[in-house]
Amino acid sequence: MANLTITVDDELLRKARIRAAERGTSVNAVLREHLEAWSGAQDERRRAIDRFLEAARRSRASSGGRKWTRDELHERR
């Protein structure tokens, strides 16, 4: 496991330590959990974009390459 060094204001770290202690954890654990969640969110967003692009490609292929006009797309029946 790698170590990470960050620089924060002394008062901010003091408050973070108090809050972490109140929750029975450490600042280190809180930051690790946040980084894990944040990294996973980025991965999930990328997968969602990839799924969307793939669906768009399949849709375009199944339409025979047809392109609609703006009026056709917004036509009400």
C-alpha atoms as a PDB file:
ATOM      1  CA  MET A   1       0.000   0.000   0.000  1.00  0.00           C
ATOM      2  CA  ALA A   2       1.336   3.441  -0.913  1.00  0.00           C
ATOM      3  CA  ASN A   3       1.607   6.443   1.382  1.00  0.00           C
ATOM      4  CA  LEU A   4       0.168   9.839   0.454  1.00  0.00           C
ATOM      5  CA  THR A   5       1.281  13.127   1.949  1.00  0.00           C
ATOM      6  CA  ILE A   6      -1.037  16.133   1.844  1.00  0.00           C
ATOM      7  CA  THR A   7      -0.772  19.605   3.310  1.00  0.00           C
ATOM      8  CA  VAL A   8      -3.706  21.006   5.271  1.00  0.00           C
ATOM      9  CA  ASP A   9      -4.243  23.819   7.712  1.00  0.00           C
ATOM     10  CA  ASP A  10      -3.484  22.853  11.331  1.00  0.00           C
ATOM     11  CA  GLU A  11      -6.947  23.865  12.522  1.00  0.00           C
ATOM     12  CA  LEU A  12      -8.618  21.890   9.754  1.00  0.00           C
ATOM     13  CA  LEU A  13      -6.684  18.768  10.720  1.00  0.00           C
ATOM     14  CA  ARG A  14      -7.537  19.278  14.406  1.00  0.00           C
ATOM     15  CA  LYS A  15     -11.259  19.493  13.586  1.00  0.00           C
ATOM     16  CA  ALA A  16     -11.037  16.493  11.260  1.00  0.00           C
ATOM     17  CA  ARG A  17      -9.353  14.405  13.962  1.00  0.00           C
ATOM     18  CA  ILE A  18     -12.058  15.328  16.473  1.00  0.00           C
ATOM     19  CA  ARG A  19     -14.840  14.482  14.046  1.00  0.00           C
ATOM     20  CA  ALA A  20     -13.188  11.181  13.086  1.00  0.00           C
ATOM     21  CA  ALA A  21     -12.716  10.261  16.758  1.00  0.00           C
ATOM     22  CA  GLU A  22     -16.399  10.997  17.436  1.00  0.00           C
ATOM     23  CA  ARG A  23     -17.213   8.438  14.739  1.00  0.00           C
ATOM     24  CA  GLY A  24     -14.709   5.903  16.003  1.00  0.00           C
ATOM     25  CA  THR A  25     -12.432   6.151  12.999  1.00  0.00           C
ATOM     26  CA  SER A  26      -9.359   8.058  11.826  1.00  0.00           C
ATOM     27  CA  VAL A  27      -8.762  10.859   9.356  1.00  0.00           C
ATOM     28  CA  ASN A  28      -6.674   8.396   7.351  1.00  0.00           C
ATOM     29  CA  ALA A  29      -9.598   5.929   7.114  1.00  0.00           C
ATOM     30  CA  VAL A  30     -12.043   8.698   6.160  1.00  0.00           C
ATOM     31  CA  LEU A  31      -9.753   9.948   3.379  1.00  0.00           C
ATOM     32  CA  ARG A  32      -9.120   6.393   2.123  1.00  0.00           C
ATOM     33  CA  GLU A  33     -12.883   5.688   1.971  1.00  0.00           C
ATOM     34  CA  HIS A  34     -13.493   8.965   0.159  1.00  0.00           C
ATOM     35  CA  LEU A  35     -10.774   8.233  -2.412  1.00  0.00           C
ATOM     36  CA  GLU A  36     -12.152   4.735  -2.984  1.00  0.00           C
ATOM     37  CA  ALA A  37     -15.674   6.090  -3.513  1.00  0.00           C
ATOM     38  CA  TRP A  38     -14.465   8.934  -5.723  1.00  0.00           C
ATOM     39  CA  SER A  39     -12.324   6.628  -7.867  1.00  0.00           C
ATOM     40  CA  GLY A  40     -15.175   4.165  -8.260  1.00  0.00           C
ATOM     41  CA  ALA A  41     -17.551   6.950  -9.239  1.00  0.00           C
ATOM     42  CA  GLN A  42     -15.174   8.008 -11.993  1.00  0.00           C
ATOM     43  CA  ASP A  43     -14.937   4.421 -13.226  1.00  0.00           C
ATOM     44  CA  GLU A  44     -18.718   4.003 -13.165  1.00  0.00           C
ATOM     45  CA  ARG A  45     -19.215   7.285 -15.050  1.00  0.00           C
ATOM     46  CA  ARG A  46     -16.753   6.109 -17.720  1.00  0.00           C
ATOM     47  CA  ARG A  47     -18.559   2.751 -18.025  1.00  0.00           C
ATOM     48  CA  ALA A  48     -21.923   4.539 -18.350  1.00  0.00           C
ATOM     49  CA  ILE A  49     -20.556   6.767 -21.125  1.00  0.00           C
ATOM     50  CA  ASP A  50     -19.129   3.709 -22.900  1.00  0.00           C
ATOM     51  CA  ARG A  51     -22.512   1.919 -22.659  1.00  0.00           C
ATOM     52  CA  PHE A  52     -24.281   4.999 -24.039  1.00  0.00           C
ATOM     53  CA  LEU A  53     -21.875   5.314 -26.964  1.00  0.00           C
ATOM     54  CA  GLU A  54     -22.206   1.608 -27.759  1.00  0.00           C
ATOM     55  CA  ALA A  55     -26.009   1.869 -27.710  1.00  0.00           C
ATOM     56  CA  ALA A  56     -25.810   4.873 -30.037  1.00  0.00           C
ATOM     57  CA  ARG A  57     -23.581   2.920 -32.435  1.00  0.00           C
ATOM     58  CA  ARG A  58     -25.982  -0.043 -32.420  1.00  0.00           C
ATOM     59  CA  SER A  59     -28.936   2.263 -32.967  1.00  0.00           C
ATOM     60  CA  ARG A  60     -27.219   3.948 -35.889  1.00  0.00           C
ATOM     61  CA  ALA A  61     -26.328   0.565 -37.402  1.00  0.00           C
ATOM     62  CA  SER A  62     -29.898  -0.740 -37.049  1.00  0.00           C
ATOM     63  CA  SER A  63     -31.288   2.382 -38.748  1.00  0.00           C
ATOM     64  CA  GLY A  64     -29.347   1.566 -41.899  1.00  0.00           C
ATOM     65  CA  GLY A  65     -27.388   4.779 -41.535  1.00  0.00           C
ATOM     66  CA  ARG A  66     -30.539   6.880 -41.982  1.00  0.00           C
ATOM     67  CA  LYS A  67     -30.319  10.408 -40.619  1.00  0.00           C
ATOM     68  CA  TRP A  68     -33.423  12.197 -39.443  1.00  0.00           C
ATOM     69  CA  THR A  69     -34.179  15.874 -39.785  1.00  0.00           C
ATOM     70  CA  ARG A  70     -34.866  17.993 -36.747  1.00  0.00           C
ATOM     71  CA  ASP A  71     -38.534  18.216 -37.732  1.00  0.00           C
ATOM     72  CA  GLU A  72     -38.801  14.419 -37.981  1.00  0.00           C
ATOM     73  CA  LEU A  73     -37.268  13.975 -34.547  1.00  0.00           C
ATOM     74  CA  HIS A  74     -39.690  16.434 -32.987  1.00  0.00           C
ATOM     75  CA  GLU A  75     -42.768  15.410 -34.981  1.00  0.00           C
ATOM     76  CA  ARG A  76     -45.894  14.932 -32.869  1.00  0.00           C
ATOM     77  CA  ARG A  77     -48.575  12.492 -33.917  1.00  0.00           C
END
